[in-house]
Amino acid sequence: MKPAHKAMRHDKDSLSKEIFKGSIASAVVYSGSNVMRIAVKNPIVVFGLGVVSGFLIHKYRKDII
């Protein structure tokens, strides 16, 4: 059995790719939280988001399950 650090293959760009992915995910979460903070203040927007999400879940229910 090989040691774990020798069994995994790494290229020289793997660390930079992971850092980039993490920074993009962080930016998406931060911007999404700002959008949701604004959207929650208006009940019509919350209702609209519920209708749209319900429609999309119903439309793609076979793909989801």
C-alpha atoms as a PDB file:
ATOM      1  CA  MET A   1       0.000   0.000   0.000  1.00  0.00           C
ATOM      2  CA  LYS A   2       1.348   3.422  -0.940  1.00  0.00           C
ATOM      3  CA  PRO A   3       1.441   6.295   1.530  1.00  0.00           C
ATOM      4  CA  ALA A   4      -1.370   8.789   1.024  1.00  0.00           C
ATOM      5  CA  HIS A   5       0.874  11.646  -0.028  1.00  0.00           C
ATOM      6  CA  LYS A   6       2.460   9.506  -2.766  1.00  0.00           C
ATOM      7  CA  ALA A   7      -0.778   7.961  -3.991  1.00  0.00           C
ATOM      8  CA  MET A   8      -2.356  11.314  -4.843  1.00  0.00           C
ATOM      9  CA  ARG A   9      -1.223  12.996  -8.033  1.00  0.00           C
ATOM     10  CA  HIS A  10      -0.736  16.744  -7.974  1.00  0.00           C
ATOM     11  CA  ASP A  11       0.164  19.103 -10.718  1.00  0.00           C
ATOM     12  CA  LYS A  12       1.725  22.482 -10.147  1.00  0.00           C
ATOM     13  CA  ASP A  13      -1.545  24.353 -10.764  1.00  0.00           C
ATOM     14  CA  SER A  14      -3.768  22.330  -8.440  1.00  0.00           C
ATOM     15  CA  LEU A  15      -3.297  24.608  -5.434  1.00  0.00           C
ATOM     16  CA  SER A  16      -3.935  27.777  -7.429  1.00  0.00           C
ATOM     17  CA  LYS A  17      -7.051  26.230  -8.992  1.00  0.00           C
ATOM     18  CA  GLU A  18      -8.434  25.335  -5.563  1.00  0.00           C
ATOM     19  CA  ILE A  19      -7.709  28.810  -4.202  1.00  0.00           C
ATOM     20  CA  PHE A  20      -9.458  30.334  -7.222  1.00  0.00           C
ATOM     21  CA  LYS A  21     -12.481  28.052  -6.775  1.00  0.00           C
ATOM     22  CA  GLY A  22     -12.680  28.962  -3.094  1.00  0.00           C
ATOM     23  CA  SER A  23     -12.539  32.690  -3.785  1.00  0.00           C
ATOM     24  CA  ILE A  24     -15.263  32.430  -6.438  1.00  0.00           C
ATOM     25  CA  ALA A  25     -17.474  30.404  -4.094  1.00  0.00           C
ATOM     26  CA  SER A  26     -16.944  32.956  -1.344  1.00  0.00           C
ATOM     27  CA  ALA A  27     -17.879  35.824  -3.671  1.00  0.00           C
ATOM     28  CA  VAL A  28     -21.036  34.016  -4.826  1.00  0.00           C
ATOM     29  CA  VAL A  29     -22.148  33.317  -1.259  1.00  0.00           C
ATOM     30  CA  TYR A  30     -21.477  36.920  -0.207  1.00  0.00           C
ATOM     31  CA  SER A  31     -23.366  38.424  -3.156  1.00  0.00           C
ATOM     32  CA  GLY A  32     -26.189  35.911  -2.751  1.00  0.00           C
ATOM     33  CA  SER A  33     -26.597  36.804   0.903  1.00  0.00           C
ATOM     34  CA  ASN A  34     -26.866  40.491  -0.005  1.00  0.00           C
ATOM     35  CA  VAL A  35     -29.513  39.740  -2.630  1.00  0.00           C
ATOM     36  CA  MET A  36     -31.500  37.592  -0.196  1.00  0.00           C
ATOM     37  CA  ARG A  37     -31.264  40.266   2.510  1.00  0.00           C
ATOM     38  CA  ILE A  38     -32.870  42.760   0.112  1.00  0.00           C
ATOM     39  CA  ALA A  39     -35.414  40.241  -1.208  1.00  0.00           C
ATOM     40  CA  VAL A  40     -36.665  39.196   2.239  1.00  0.00           C
ATOM     41  CA  LYS A  41     -37.683  42.766   3.053  1.00  0.00           C
ATOM     42  CA  ASN A  42     -40.377  42.722   0.357  1.00  0.00           C
ATOM     43  CA  PRO A  43     -43.098  40.056   0.751  1.00  0.00           C
ATOM     44  CA  ILE A  44     -44.081  40.207  -2.930  1.00  0.00           C
ATOM     45  CA  VAL A  45     -40.536  39.268  -3.930  1.00  0.00           C
ATOM     46  CA  VAL A  46     -40.551  36.366  -1.456  1.00  0.00           C
ATOM     47  CA  PHE A  47     -43.841  35.132  -2.928  1.00  0.00           C
ATOM     48  CA  GLY A  48     -42.461  35.470  -6.457  1.00  0.00           C
ATOM     49  CA  LEU A  49     -39.316  33.544  -5.555  1.00  0.00           C
ATOM     50  CA  GLY A  50     -41.491  30.788  -4.095  1.00  0.00           C
ATOM     51  CA  VAL A  51     -43.614  30.601  -7.243  1.00  0.00           C
ATOM     52  CA  VAL A  52     -40.566  30.488  -9.507  1.00  0.00           C
ATOM     53  CA  SER A  53     -38.799  27.856  -7.416  1.00  0.00           C
ATOM     54  CA  GLY A  54     -41.978  25.765  -7.239  1.00  0.00           C
ATOM     55  CA  PHE A  55     -42.385  25.977 -11.011  1.00  0.00           C
ATOM     56  CA  LEU A  56     -38.787  24.952 -11.647  1.00  0.00           C
ATOM     57  CA  ILE A  57     -38.983  22.071  -9.171  1.00  0.00           C
ATOM     58  CA  HIS A  58     -42.204  20.859 -10.798  1.00  0.00           C
ATOM     59  CA  LYS A  59     -40.754  21.223 -14.301  1.00  0.00           C
ATOM     60  CA  TYR A  60     -37.528  19.335 -13.530  1.00  0.00           C
ATOM     61  CA  ARG A  61     -38.925  16.908 -10.919  1.00  0.00           C
ATOM     62  CA  LYS A  62     -37.903  13.818 -12.912  1.00  0.00           C
ATOM     63  CA  ASP A  63     -34.334  15.072 -13.253  1.00  0.00           C
ATOM     64  CA  ILE A  64     -34.134  15.949  -9.559  1.00  0.00           C
ATOM     65  CA  ILE A  65     -35.305  12.552  -8.319  1.00  0.00           C
END
